[in-house]
PDB file of N, CA and C in Angstrom:
ATOM      1  N   MET A   1      31.903 -16.003   3.020  1.00  0.00           N
ATOM      2  CA  MET A   1      30.828 -15.984   3.978  1.00  0.00           C
ATOM      3  C   MET A   1      29.880 -14.811   3.797  1.00  0.00           C
ATOM      4  N   ALA A   2      30.333 -13.709   3.274  1.00  0.00           N
ATOM      5  CA  ALA A   2      29.491 -12.528   3.113  1.00  0.00           C
ATOM      6  C   ALA A   2      28.277 -12.790   2.225  1.00  0.00           C
ATOM      7  N   PRO A   3      28.431 -13.469   1.065  1.00  0.00           N
ATOM      8  CA  PRO A   3      27.253 -13.718   0.237  1.00  0.00           C
ATOM      9  C   PRO A   3      26.194 -14.538   0.961  1.00  0.00           C
ATOM     10  N   ARG A   4      26.641 -15.440   1.829  1.00  0.00           N
ATOM     11  CA  ARG A   4      25.695 -16.260   2.567  1.00  0.00           C
ATOM     12  C   ARG A   4      24.857 -15.414   3.522  1.00  0.00           C
ATOM     13  N   ALA A   5      25.458 -14.430   4.145  1.00  0.00           N
ATOM     14  CA  ALA A   5      24.745 -13.560   5.076  1.00  0.00           C
ATOM     15  C   ALA A   5      23.798 -12.625   4.331  1.00  0.00           C
ATOM     16  N   ALA A   6      24.150 -12.262   3.108  1.00  0.00           N
ATOM     17  CA  ALA A   6      23.325 -11.337   2.332  1.00  0.00           C
ATOM     18  C   ALA A   6      22.030 -11.996   1.870  1.00  0.00           C
ATOM     19  N   ALA A   7      22.072 -13.283   1.577  1.00  0.00           N
ATOM     20  CA  ALA A   7      20.891 -13.964   1.068  1.00  0.00           C
ATOM     21  C   ALA A   7      19.732 -13.953   2.061  1.00  0.00           C
ATOM     22  N   PRO A   8      19.937 -14.300   3.335  1.00  0.00           N
ATOM     23  CA  PRO A   8      18.810 -14.247   4.267  1.00  0.00           C
ATOM     24  C   PRO A   8      18.281 -12.823   4.456  1.00  0.00           C
ATOM     25  N   LYS A   9      19.172 -11.839   4.409  1.00  0.00           N
ATOM     26  CA  LYS A   9      18.728 -10.453   4.565  1.00  0.00           C
ATOM     27  C   LYS A   9      17.850 -10.038   3.392  1.00  0.00           C
ATOM     28  N   SER A  10      18.227 -10.409   2.185  1.00  0.00           N
ATOM     29  CA  SER A  10      17.418 -10.047   1.021  1.00  0.00           C
ATOM     30  C   SER A  10      16.089 -10.793   1.029  1.00  0.00           C
ATOM     31  N   ARG A  11      16.106 -12.045   1.498  1.00  0.00           N
ATOM     32  CA  ARG A  11      14.841 -12.794   1.600  1.00  0.00           C
ATOM     33  C   ARG A  11      13.935 -12.165   2.643  1.00  0.00           C
ATOM     34  N   ARG A  12      14.527 -11.732   3.771  1.00  0.00           N
ATOM     35  CA  ARG A  12      13.727 -11.089   4.808  1.00  0.00           C
ATOM     36  C   ARG A  12      13.120  -9.789   4.283  1.00  0.00           C
ATOM     37  N   LYS A  13      13.929  -9.025   3.545  1.00  0.00           N
ATOM     38  CA  LYS A  13      13.443  -7.769   2.983  1.00  0.00           C
ATOM     39  C   LYS A  13      12.316  -8.024   1.986  1.00  0.00           C
ATOM     40  N   ALA A  14      12.475  -9.049   1.154  1.00  0.00           N
ATOM     41  CA  ALA A  14      11.439  -9.399   0.185  1.00  0.00           C
ATOM     42  C   ALA A  14      10.155  -9.826   0.896  1.00  0.00           C
ATOM     43  N   ALA A  15      10.298 -10.583   1.980  1.00  0.00           N
ATOM     44  CA  ALA A  15       9.121 -11.010   2.749  1.00  0.00           C
ATOM     45  C   ALA A  15       8.436  -9.812   3.401  1.00  0.00           C
ATOM     46  N   GLU A  16       9.227  -8.865   3.907  1.00  0.00           N
ATOM     47  CA  GLU A  16       8.647  -7.664   4.512  1.00  0.00           C
ATOM     48  C   GLU A  16       7.891  -6.844   3.481  1.00  0.00           C
ATOM     49  N   HIS A  17       8.460  -6.708   2.278  1.00  0.00           N
ATOM     50  CA  HIS A  17       7.778  -5.966   1.216  1.00  0.00           C
ATOM     51  C   HIS A  17       6.479  -6.671   0.815  1.00  0.00           C
ATOM     52  N   ALA A  18       6.511  -7.989   0.733  1.00  0.00           N
ATOM     53  CA  ALA A  18       5.300  -8.739   0.389  1.00  0.00           C
ATOM     54  C   ALA A  18       4.229  -8.543   1.457  1.00  0.00           C
ATOM     55  N   ALA A  19       4.629  -8.539   2.720  1.00  0.00           N
ATOM     56  CA  ALA A  19       3.673  -8.327   3.807  1.00  0.00           C
ATOM     57  C   ALA A  19       3.099  -6.914   3.755  1.00  0.00           C
ATOM     58  N   GLU A  20       3.939  -5.932   3.460  1.00  0.00           N
ATOM     59  CA  GLU A  20       3.464  -4.554   3.359  1.00  0.00           C
ATOM     60  C   GLU A  20       2.465  -4.407   2.209  1.00  0.00           C
ATOM     61  N   ARG A  21       2.757  -5.048   1.084  1.00  0.00           N
ATOM     62  CA  ARG A  21       1.829  -4.991  -0.047  1.00  0.00           C
ATOM     63  C   ARG A  21       0.509  -5.674   0.301  1.00  0.00           C
ATOM     64  N   ALA A  22       0.585  -6.801   0.997  1.00  0.00           N
ATOM     65  CA  ALA A  22      -0.637  -7.518   1.381  1.00  0.00           C
ATOM     66  C   ALA A  22      -1.491  -6.670   2.320  1.00  0.00           C
ATOM     67  N   ILE A  23      -0.854  -6.007   3.269  1.00  0.00           N
ATOM     68  CA  ILE A  23      -1.592  -5.146   4.192  1.00  0.00           C
ATOM     69  C   ILE A  23      -2.247  -4.000   3.432  1.00  0.00           C
ATOM     70  N   GLY A  24      -1.487  -3.379   2.550  1.00  0.00           N
ATOM     71  CA  GLY A  24      -2.030  -2.280   1.748  1.00  0.00           C
ATOM     72  C   GLY A  24      -3.193  -2.724   0.891  1.00  0.00           C
ATOM     73  N   ASN A  25      -3.067  -3.882   0.266  1.00  0.00           N
ATOM     74  CA  ASN A  25      -4.156  -4.404  -0.566  1.00  0.00           C
ATOM     75  C   ASN A  25      -5.390  -4.708   0.268  1.00  0.00           C
ATOM     76  N   ALA A  26      -5.204  -5.327   1.413  1.00  0.00           N
ATOM     77  CA  ALA A  26      -6.338  -5.662   2.277  1.00  0.00           C
ATOM     78  C   ALA A  26      -7.052  -4.403   2.755  1.00  0.00           C
ATOM     79  N   MET A  27      -6.277  -3.414   3.188  1.00  0.00           N
ATOM     80  CA  MET A  27      -6.894  -2.171   3.668  1.00  0.00           C
ATOM     81  C   MET A  27      -7.615  -1.438   2.538  1.00  0.00           C
ATOM     82  N   SER A  28      -7.050  -1.458   1.359  1.00  0.00           N
ATOM     83  CA  SER A  28      -7.698  -0.806   0.213  1.00  0.00           C
ATOM     84  C   SER A  28      -9.018  -1.484  -0.122  1.00  0.00           C
ATOM     85  N   VAL A  29      -9.019  -2.806  -0.128  1.00  0.00           N
ATOM     86  CA  VAL A  29     -10.255  -3.539  -0.419  1.00  0.00           C
ATOM     87  C   VAL A  29     -11.317  -3.241   0.635  1.00  0.00           C
ATOM     88  N   VAL A  30     -10.927  -3.237   1.898  1.00  0.00           N
ATOM     89  CA  VAL A  30     -11.874  -2.939   2.976  1.00  0.00           C
ATOM     90  C   VAL A  30     -12.446  -1.535   2.805  1.00  0.00           C
ATOM     91  N   LEU A  31     -11.607  -0.566   2.498  1.00  0.00           N
ATOM     92  CA  LEU A  31     -12.086   0.800   2.324  1.00  0.00           C
ATOM     93  C   LEU A  31     -13.005   0.924   1.113  1.00  0.00           C
ATOM     94  N   ILE A  32     -12.650   0.282   0.007  1.00  0.00           N
ATOM     95  CA  ILE A  32     -13.497   0.345  -1.188  1.00  0.00           C
ATOM     96  C   ILE A  32     -14.855  -0.276  -0.914  1.00  0.00           C
ATOM     97  N   VAL A  33     -14.867  -1.437  -0.283  1.00  0.00           N
ATOM     98  CA  VAL A  33     -16.144  -2.088   0.046  1.00  0.00           C
ATOM     99  C   VAL A  33     -16.962  -1.216   0.986  1.00  0.00           C
ATOM    100  N   THR A  34     -16.314  -0.611   1.966  1.00  0.00           N
ATOM    101  CA  THR A  34     -17.022   0.250   2.916  1.00  0.00           C
ATOM    102  C   THR A  34     -17.628   1.458   2.214  1.00  0.00           C
ATOM    103  N   VAL A  35     -16.889   2.079   1.302  1.00  0.00           N
ATOM    104  CA  VAL A  35     -17.416   3.225   0.554  1.00  0.00           C
ATOM    105  C   VAL A  35     -18.628   2.800  -0.260  1.00  0.00           C
ATOM    106  N   VAL A  36     -18.525   1.673  -0.948  1.00  0.00           N
ATOM    107  CA  VAL A  36     -19.649   1.199  -1.768  1.00  0.00           C
ATOM    108  C   VAL A  36     -20.864   0.917  -0.890  1.00  0.00           C
ATOM    109  N   VAL A  37     -20.672   0.248   0.238  1.00  0.00           N
ATOM    110  CA  VAL A  37     -21.787  -0.056   1.142  1.00  0.00           C
ATOM    111  C   VAL A  37     -22.430   1.224   1.649  1.00  0.00           C
ATOM    112  N   GLN A  38     -21.622   2.197   2.039  1.00  0.00           N
ATOM    113  CA  GLN A  38     -22.155   3.470   2.535  1.00  0.00           C
ATOM    114  C   GLN A  38     -22.958   4.172   1.446  1.00  0.00           C
ATOM    115  N   LEU A  39     -22.454   4.175   0.217  1.00  0.00           N
ATOM    116  CA  LEU A  39     -23.159   4.827  -0.881  1.00  0.00           C
ATOM    117  C   LEU A  39     -24.457   4.103  -1.228  1.00  0.00           C
ATOM    118  N   VAL A  40     -24.439   2.772  -1.206  1.00  0.00           N
ATOM    119  CA  VAL A  40     -25.657   1.996  -1.497  1.00  0.00           C
ATOM    120  C   VAL A  40     -26.718   2.270  -0.438  1.00  0.00           C
ATOM    121  N   ARG A  41     -26.296   2.428   0.808  1.00  0.00           N
ATOM    122  CA  ARG A  41     -27.233   2.734   1.890  1.00  0.00           C
ATOM    123  C   ARG A  41     -27.736   4.172   1.829  1.00  0.00           C
ATOM    124  N   GLY A  42     -27.141   4.985   0.990  1.00  0.00           N
ATOM    125  CA  GLY A  42     -27.530   6.379   0.890  1.00  0.00           C
ATOM    126  C   GLY A  42     -26.898   7.246   1.973  1.00  0.00           C
ATOM    127  N   GLU A  43     -25.868   6.728   2.600  1.00  0.00           N
ATOM    128  CA  GLU A  43     -25.184   7.466   3.662  1.00  0.00           C
ATOM    129  C   GLU A  43     -23.933   8.120   3.112  1.00  0.00           C
ATOM    130  N   SER A  44     -23.362   9.013   3.879  1.00  0.00           N
ATOM    131  CA  SER A  44     -22.136   9.692   3.477  1.00  0.00           C
ATOM    132  C   SER A  44     -20.955   8.733   3.616  1.00  0.00           C
ATOM    133  N   ALA A  45     -20.168   8.674   2.559  1.00  0.00           N
ATOM    134  CA  ALA A  45     -18.971   7.834   2.583  1.00  0.00           C
ATOM    135  C   ALA A  45     -17.726   8.681   2.823  1.00  0.00           C
ATOM    136  N   SER A  46     -17.940   9.903   3.266  1.00  0.00           N
ATOM    137  CA  SER A  46     -16.861  10.876   3.370  1.00  0.00           C
ATOM    138  C   SER A  46     -15.632  10.404   4.145  1.00  0.00           C
ATOM    139  N   PRO A  47     -15.755   9.908   5.372  1.00  0.00           N
ATOM    140  CA  PRO A  47     -14.523   9.541   6.087  1.00  0.00           C
ATOM    141  C   PRO A  47     -13.737   8.444   5.371  1.00  0.00           C
ATOM    142  N   TYR A  48     -14.447   7.485   4.812  1.00  0.00           N
ATOM    143  CA  TYR A  48     -13.788   6.368   4.147  1.00  0.00           C
ATOM    144  C   TYR A  48     -13.224   6.801   2.800  1.00  0.00           C
ATOM    145  N   ALA A  49     -13.955   7.652   2.092  1.00  0.00           N
ATOM    146  CA  ALA A  49     -13.467   8.168   0.814  1.00  0.00           C
ATOM    147  C   ALA A  49     -12.215   9.016   1.027  1.00  0.00           C
ATOM    148  N   GLU A  50     -12.179   9.764   2.116  1.00  0.00           N
ATOM    149  CA  GLU A  50     -10.996  10.569   2.419  1.00  0.00           C
ATOM    150  C   GLU A  50      -9.788   9.674   2.711  1.00  0.00           C
ATOM    151  N   LEU A  51     -10.013   8.562   3.389  1.00  0.00           N
ATOM    152  CA  LEU A  51      -8.920   7.620   3.637  1.00  0.00           C
ATOM    153  C   LEU A  51      -8.416   7.016   2.326  1.00  0.00           C
ATOM    154  N   LEU A  52      -9.343   6.719   1.399  1.00  0.00           N
ATOM    155  CA  LEU A  52      -8.927   6.209   0.091  1.00  0.00           C
ATOM    156  C   LEU A  52      -8.130   7.265  -0.671  1.00  0.00           C
ATOM    157  N   LEU A  53      -8.548   8.511  -0.578  1.00  0.00           N
ATOM    158  CA  LEU A  53      -7.821   9.603  -1.224  1.00  0.00           C
ATOM    159  C   LEU A  53      -6.410   9.707  -0.648  1.00  0.00           C
ATOM    160  N   LEU A  54      -6.306   9.617   0.661  1.00  0.00           N
ATOM    161  CA  LEU A  54      -4.998   9.653   1.311  1.00  0.00           C
ATOM    162  C   LEU A  54      -4.133   8.482   0.860  1.00  0.00           C
ATOM    163  N   ALA A  55      -4.710   7.305   0.795  1.00  0.00           N
ATOM    164  CA  ALA A  55      -3.960   6.123   0.349  1.00  0.00           C
ATOM    165  C   ALA A  55      -3.469   6.312  -1.082  1.00  0.00           C
ATOM    166  N   GLY A  56      -4.299   6.865  -1.932  1.00  0.00           N
ATOM    167  CA  GLY A  56      -3.892   7.119  -3.319  1.00  0.00           C
ATOM    168  C   GLY A  56      -2.780   8.143  -3.407  1.00  0.00           C
ATOM    169  N   ALA A  57      -2.863   9.175  -2.587  1.00  0.00           N
ATOM    170  CA  ALA A  57      -1.815  10.198  -2.583  1.00  0.00           C
ATOM    171  C   ALA A  57      -0.491   9.626  -2.100  1.00  0.00           C
ATOM    172  N   VAL A  58      -0.532   8.817  -1.051  1.00  0.00           N
ATOM    173  CA  VAL A  58       0.689   8.192  -0.541  1.00  0.00           C
ATOM    174  C   VAL A  58       1.274   7.263  -1.594  1.00  0.00           C
ATOM    175  N   TRP A  59       0.431   6.519  -2.274  1.00  0.00           N
ATOM    176  CA  TRP A  59       0.892   5.624  -3.337  1.00  0.00           C
ATOM    177  C   TRP A  59       1.583   6.412  -4.441  1.00  0.00           C
ATOM    178  N   ALA A  60       0.978   7.522  -4.873  1.00  0.00           N
ATOM    179  CA  ALA A  60       1.551   8.331  -5.952  1.00  0.00           C
ATOM    180  C   ALA A  60       2.892   8.930  -5.545  1.00  0.00           C
ATOM    181  N   VAL A  61       2.979   9.458  -4.339  1.00  0.00           N
ATOM    182  CA  VAL A  61       4.237  10.046  -3.871  1.00  0.00           C
ATOM    183  C   VAL A  61       5.318   8.972  -3.769  1.00  0.00           C
ATOM    184  N   THR A  62       4.957   7.823  -3.237  1.00  0.00           N
ATOM    185  CA  THR A  62       5.917   6.728  -3.116  1.00  0.00           C
ATOM    186  C   THR A  62       6.403   6.271  -4.481  1.00  0.00           C
ATOM    187  N   LEU A  63       5.513   6.206  -5.437  1.00  0.00           N
ATOM    188  CA  LEU A  63       5.875   5.802  -6.790  1.00  0.00           C
ATOM    189  C   LEU A  63       6.846   6.798  -7.417  1.00  0.00           C
ATOM    190  N   VAL A  64       6.582   8.088  -7.274  1.00  0.00           N
ATOM    191  CA  VAL A  64       7.467   9.114  -7.827  1.00  0.00           C
ATOM    192  C   VAL A  64       8.847   9.042  -7.179  1.00  0.00           C
ATOM    193  N   VAL A  65       8.878   8.891  -5.857  1.00  0.00           N
ATOM    194  CA  VAL A  65      10.160   8.803  -5.157  1.00  0.00           C
ATOM    195  C   VAL A  65      10.931   7.561  -5.609  1.00  0.00           C
ATOM    196  N   ALA A  66      10.259   6.441  -5.753  1.00  0.00           N
ATOM    197  CA  ALA A  66      10.922   5.210  -6.186  1.00  0.00           C
ATOM    198  C   ALA A  66      11.458   5.349  -7.605  1.00  0.00           C
ATOM    199  N   TRP A  67      10.677   5.980  -8.493  1.00  0.00           N
ATOM    200  CA  TRP A  67      11.148   6.198  -9.861  1.00  0.00           C
ATOM    201  C   TRP A  67      12.386   7.081  -9.881  1.00  0.00           C
ATOM    202  N   ARG A  68      12.356   8.135  -9.089  1.00  0.00           N
ATOM    203  CA  ARG A  68      13.509   9.045  -9.058  1.00  0.00           C
ATOM    204  C   ARG A  68      14.751   8.338  -8.532  1.00  0.00           C
ATOM    205  N   ARG A  69      14.590   7.526  -7.511  1.00  0.00           N
ATOM    206  CA  ARG A  69      15.741   6.789  -6.972  1.00  0.00           C
ATOM    207  C   ARG A  69      16.272   5.775  -7.976  1.00  0.00           C
ATOM    208  N   ALA A  70      15.374   5.169  -8.741  1.00  0.00           N
ATOM    209  CA  ALA A  70      15.790   4.178  -9.722  1.00  0.00           C
ATOM    210  C   ALA A  70      16.528   4.829 -10.901  1.00  0.00           C
ATOM    211  N   CYS A  71      16.219   6.076 -11.180  1.00  0.00           N
ATOM    212  CA  CYS A  71      16.846   6.771 -12.313  1.00  0.00           C
ATOM    213  C   CYS A  71      18.209   7.351 -11.958  1.00  0.00           C
ATOM    214  N   ARG A  72      18.574   7.338 -10.738  1.00  0.00           N
ATOM    215  CA  ARG A  72      19.881   7.911 -10.338  1.00  0.00           C
ATOM    216  C   ARG A  72      21.010   7.032 -10.723  1.00  0.00           C
TER     217      ARG A  72
END
């Protein structure tokens, strides 16, 4: 019975990861489009560019942590 219980949990986890990736992708696209629109208008894109910088930093840190955990 244990393997049967593990399968739905792994599927749920996979679905949660897919949803998290979709949210991240959507937010990144929105921020990139907003920065481009602000720059085309000749306005400051600073707040949106800073959010993109933060997103990139979080991505890099998460990637390093995941690599380190995978190498253990």
